[in-house]
């Protein structure tokens, strides 16, 4: 085979082959640098993970003496949650009493009122209220007044009485000689308020 290429073309071909080899070396070097960088990054991450685990272990050792305090705090938090749920479902007695007092007509006084937990369903859903009034009409007026408050659903008179001789009665009894006993049922709006 006869070589008919000029020396300049031979140099260009030789330079092109060297350029291809150099490009391969450059690509290989770049890939090796990236690979080394990834390996170094993973090594750094492993070191950081080990250091973090050591810190967590040291902090958990330091926090062990406070475990009892943490349990007490959790217990207190649970008690507050329970108290909040109870208070949101209970009737405020002060509001109950002021509403009841605002509804009393003149010439009437309450002598006995038992406030406590009242089951709003079933046979024990009623409360008993005892009052004294200045006359029989005031007894009926008190019944109507109790029915008109938002506190009670059903109000009925159980009995009324008046002593035959009121001249011997002392103080309050002389001023309010009639006694009346009422059976009342708490309104469901009072016994089961909406939760916030």
Protein backbone atom coordinates (compact mmCIF):
# COMPACT_ATOMS: atom_id res chain seq x y z
CA UNK A 1 0.00 0.00 0.00
CA UNK A 2 1.34 3.33 -1.00
CA UNK A 3 1.03 6.18 1.45
CA UNK A 4 -0.16 9.13 -0.58
CA UNK A 5 -1.08 11.41 2.34
CA UNK A 6 0.79 14.61 2.74
CA UNK A 7 2.84 15.18 5.91
CA UNK A 8 0.33 17.89 7.07
CA UNK A 9 -2.59 15.49 6.79
CA UNK A 10 -0.57 12.85 8.64
CA UNK A 11 0.03 15.32 11.46
CA UNK A 12 -3.68 16.25 11.57
CA UNK A 13 -4.74 12.60 11.75
CA UNK A 14 -2.17 11.92 14.46
CA UNK A 15 -3.33 14.99 16.40
CA UNK A 16 -6.98 13.91 16.06
CA UNK A 17 -6.14 10.47 17.51
CA UNK A 18 -4.32 12.12 20.40
CA UNK A 19 -7.30 14.46 20.96
CA UNK A 20 -9.68 11.48 21.16
CA UNK A 21 -7.44 9.84 23.75
CA UNK A 22 -7.19 13.11 25.71
CA UNK A 23 -10.99 13.53 25.67
CA UNK A 24 -11.35 9.97 27.02
CA UNK A 25 -8.80 10.72 29.75
CA UNK A 26 -10.62 13.96 30.65
CA UNK A 27 -13.99 12.20 30.83
CA UNK A 28 -12.43 9.43 32.91
CA UNK A 29 -10.82 11.95 35.28
CA UNK A 30 -14.11 13.87 35.68
CA UNK A 31 -15.98 10.61 36.40
CA UNK A 32 -13.32 9.58 38.93
CA UNK A 33 -13.54 12.99 40.64
CA UNK A 34 -17.36 12.68 40.84
CA UNK A 35 -17.05 9.14 42.19
CA UNK A 36 -14.53 10.28 44.82
CA UNK A 37 -16.83 13.17 45.73
CA UNK A 38 -19.78 10.79 46.20
CA UNK A 39 -17.71 8.42 48.30
CA UNK A 40 -16.44 11.32 50.42
CA UNK A 41 -20.00 12.66 50.80
CA UNK A 42 -21.29 9.29 51.96
CA UNK A 43 -18.38 9.02 54.38
CA UNK A 44 -19.17 12.52 55.79
CA UNK A 45 -22.86 11.56 56.14
CA UNK A 46 -21.90 8.36 57.98
CA UNK A 47 -19.65 10.35 60.34
CA UNK A 48 -22.43 12.89 60.99
CA UNK A 49 -24.93 10.11 61.63
CA UNK A 50 -22.61 8.44 64.11
CA UNK A 51 -21.97 11.78 65.89
CA UNK A 52 -25.70 12.53 66.03
CA UNK A 53 -26.48 9.08 67.44
CA UNK A 54 -23.82 9.63 70.10
CA UNK A 55 -25.33 13.01 71.01
CA UNK A 56 -28.83 11.49 71.21
CA UNK A 57 -27.54 8.70 73.46
CA UNK A 58 -25.77 11.22 75.69
CA UNK A 59 -28.87 13.44 75.90
CA UNK A 60 -31.13 10.50 76.68
CA UNK A 61 -28.75 9.57 79.50
CA UNK A 62 -28.95 13.15 80.76
CA UNK A 63 -32.75 13.25 80.49
CA UNK A 64 -33.35 10.02 82.43
CA UNK A 65 -33.50 11.83 85.80
CA UNK A 66 -36.31 14.00 84.38
CA UNK A 67 -38.45 11.07 83.28
CA UNK A 68 -40.54 11.31 86.46
CA UNK A 69 -41.15 15.02 85.83
CA UNK A 70 -42.17 14.25 82.26
CA UNK A 71 -44.63 11.61 83.50
CA UNK A 72 -46.09 14.11 85.97
CA UNK A 73 -46.43 16.69 83.20
CA UNK A 74 -48.22 14.16 80.98
CA UNK A 75 -50.52 13.22 83.85
CA UNK A 76 -51.23 16.91 84.55
CA UNK A 77 -51.95 17.51 80.85
CA UNK A 78 -54.40 14.58 80.82
CA UNK A 79 -56.09 15.88 83.98
CA UNK A 80 -56.47 19.32 82.41
CA UNK A 81 -58.05 17.74 79.33
CA UNK A 82 -60.49 15.81 81.51
CA UNK A 83 -61.29 18.91 83.58
CA UNK A 84 -61.90 20.94 80.43
CA UNK A 85 -64.33 18.34 79.07
CA UNK A 86 -66.15 18.18 82.43
CA UNK A 87 -66.37 21.96 82.79
CA UNK A 88 -67.66 22.36 79.25
CA UNK A 89 -70.56 20.01 80.05
CA UNK A 90 -71.48 21.33 83.49
CA UNK A 91 -73.95 24.03 84.41
CA UNK A 92 -72.56 27.11 86.11
CA UNK A 93 -74.33 27.27 89.47
CA UNK A 94 -73.84 31.01 89.81
CA UNK A 95 -75.53 31.61 86.44
CA UNK A 96 -78.26 29.13 87.38
CA UNK A 97 -78.95 30.87 90.70
CA UNK A 98 -78.94 34.41 89.30
CA UNK A 99 -81.31 33.39 86.50
CA UNK A 100 -83.58 31.67 89.03
CA UNK A 101 -83.51 34.67 91.39
CA UNK A 102 -84.28 37.08 88.54
CA UNK A 103 -87.40 35.06 87.75
CA UNK A 104 -88.86 35.11 91.26
CA UNK A 105 -91.87 37.40 91.67
CA UNK A 106 -92.12 39.75 94.64
CA UNK A 107 -93.75 38.25 97.72
CA UNK A 108 -91.97 34.90 97.30
CA UNK A 109 -88.82 33.37 98.80
CA UNK A 110 -87.14 30.03 98.20
CA UNK A 111 -86.59 28.03 101.36
CA UNK A 112 -85.01 24.90 99.98
CA UNK A 113 -83.26 24.09 96.71
CA UNK A 114 -81.03 21.08 96.23
CA UNK A 115 -78.50 21.66 93.49
CA UNK A 116 -76.48 18.72 92.28
CA UNK A 117 -76.19 16.27 89.44
CA UNK A 118 -79.62 15.62 88.02
CA UNK A 119 -80.14 12.90 85.44
CA UNK A 120 -82.19 14.43 82.65
CA UNK A 121 -83.62 11.10 81.52
CA UNK A 122 -85.49 8.55 83.52
CA UNK A 123 -87.57 8.70 86.67
CA UNK A 124 -85.09 10.84 88.66
CA UNK A 125 -85.12 13.73 86.25
CA UNK A 126 -86.94 16.11 88.60
CA UNK A 127 -85.85 18.43 91.39
CA UNK A 128 -87.90 19.64 94.34
CA UNK A 129 -88.07 23.33 95.22
CA UNK A 130 -89.68 24.58 98.42
CA UNK A 131 -90.81 28.18 98.74
CA UNK A 132 -92.79 30.51 100.96
CA UNK A 133 -95.26 33.06 99.59
CA UNK A 134 -97.30 35.90 101.04
CA UNK A 135 -100.62 34.59 99.63
CA UNK A 136 -102.06 31.81 97.49
CA UNK A 137 -102.01 33.92 94.32
CA UNK A 138 -98.25 34.40 94.78
CA UNK A 139 -97.91 30.59 94.93
CA UNK A 140 -99.53 30.33 91.49
CA UNK A 141 -97.53 33.31 90.24
CA UNK A 142 -94.29 31.61 91.35
CA UNK A 143 -95.29 28.44 89.47
CA UNK A 144 -95.92 30.46 86.30
CA UNK A 145 -92.68 32.37 86.77
CA UNK A 146 -90.66 29.16 87.11
CA UNK A 147 -92.28 27.80 83.94
CA UNK A 148 -91.32 30.94 82.01
CA UNK A 149 -87.62 30.74 82.90
CA UNK A 150 -85.24 28.96 80.55
CA UNK A 151 -84.15 26.73 83.44
CA UNK A 152 -87.11 24.38 83.69
CA UNK A 153 -89.30 22.40 81.30
CA UNK A 154 -92.05 21.11 83.59
CA UNK A 155 -93.18 22.78 86.81
CA UNK A 156 -95.96 21.36 88.97
CA UNK A 157 -97.18 22.13 92.45
CA UNK A 158 -96.88 19.13 94.74
CA UNK A 159 -98.61 20.73 97.73
CA UNK A 160 -99.37 24.04 99.41
CA UNK A 161 -100.22 24.76 103.02
CA UNK A 162 -100.95 27.59 105.39
CA UNK A 163 -101.25 27.42 109.16
CA UNK A 164 -104.69 28.24 110.56
CA UNK A 165 -103.36 30.76 113.05
CA UNK A 166 -100.72 33.01 111.53
CA UNK A 167 -100.62 35.43 114.48
CA UNK A 168 -98.16 33.23 116.37
CA UNK A 169 -95.74 32.78 113.49
CA UNK A 170 -92.31 34.39 113.91
CA UNK A 171 -90.43 36.62 111.41
CA UNK A 172 -90.20 35.16 107.92
CA UNK A 173 -93.02 32.70 108.48
CA UNK A 174 -95.38 35.51 109.50
CA UNK A 175 -94.46 37.56 106.43
CA UNK A 176 -94.73 34.54 104.07
CA UNK A 177 -97.27 32.17 105.69
CA UNK A 178 -97.94 29.99 102.64
CA UNK A 179 -95.57 27.13 101.94
CA UNK A 180 -95.43 25.45 98.55
CA UNK A 181 -93.49 22.52 97.18
CA UNK A 182 -92.81 22.39 93.45
CA UNK A 183 -91.59 19.57 91.27
CA UNK A 184 -89.42 20.87 88.42
CA UNK A 185 -87.52 19.27 85.59
CA UNK A 186 -84.32 20.90 84.41
CA UNK A 187 -84.36 22.09 80.83
CA UNK A 188 -82.09 20.05 78.53
CA UNK A 189 -80.43 23.30 77.44
CA UNK A 190 -79.29 23.85 81.04
CA UNK A 191 -78.34 20.27 81.89
CA UNK A 192 -76.57 19.62 78.58
CA UNK A 193 -74.93 22.83 77.38
CA UNK A 194 -73.28 22.89 73.99
CA UNK A 195 -69.57 22.17 74.11
CA UNK A 196 -67.26 24.91 72.82
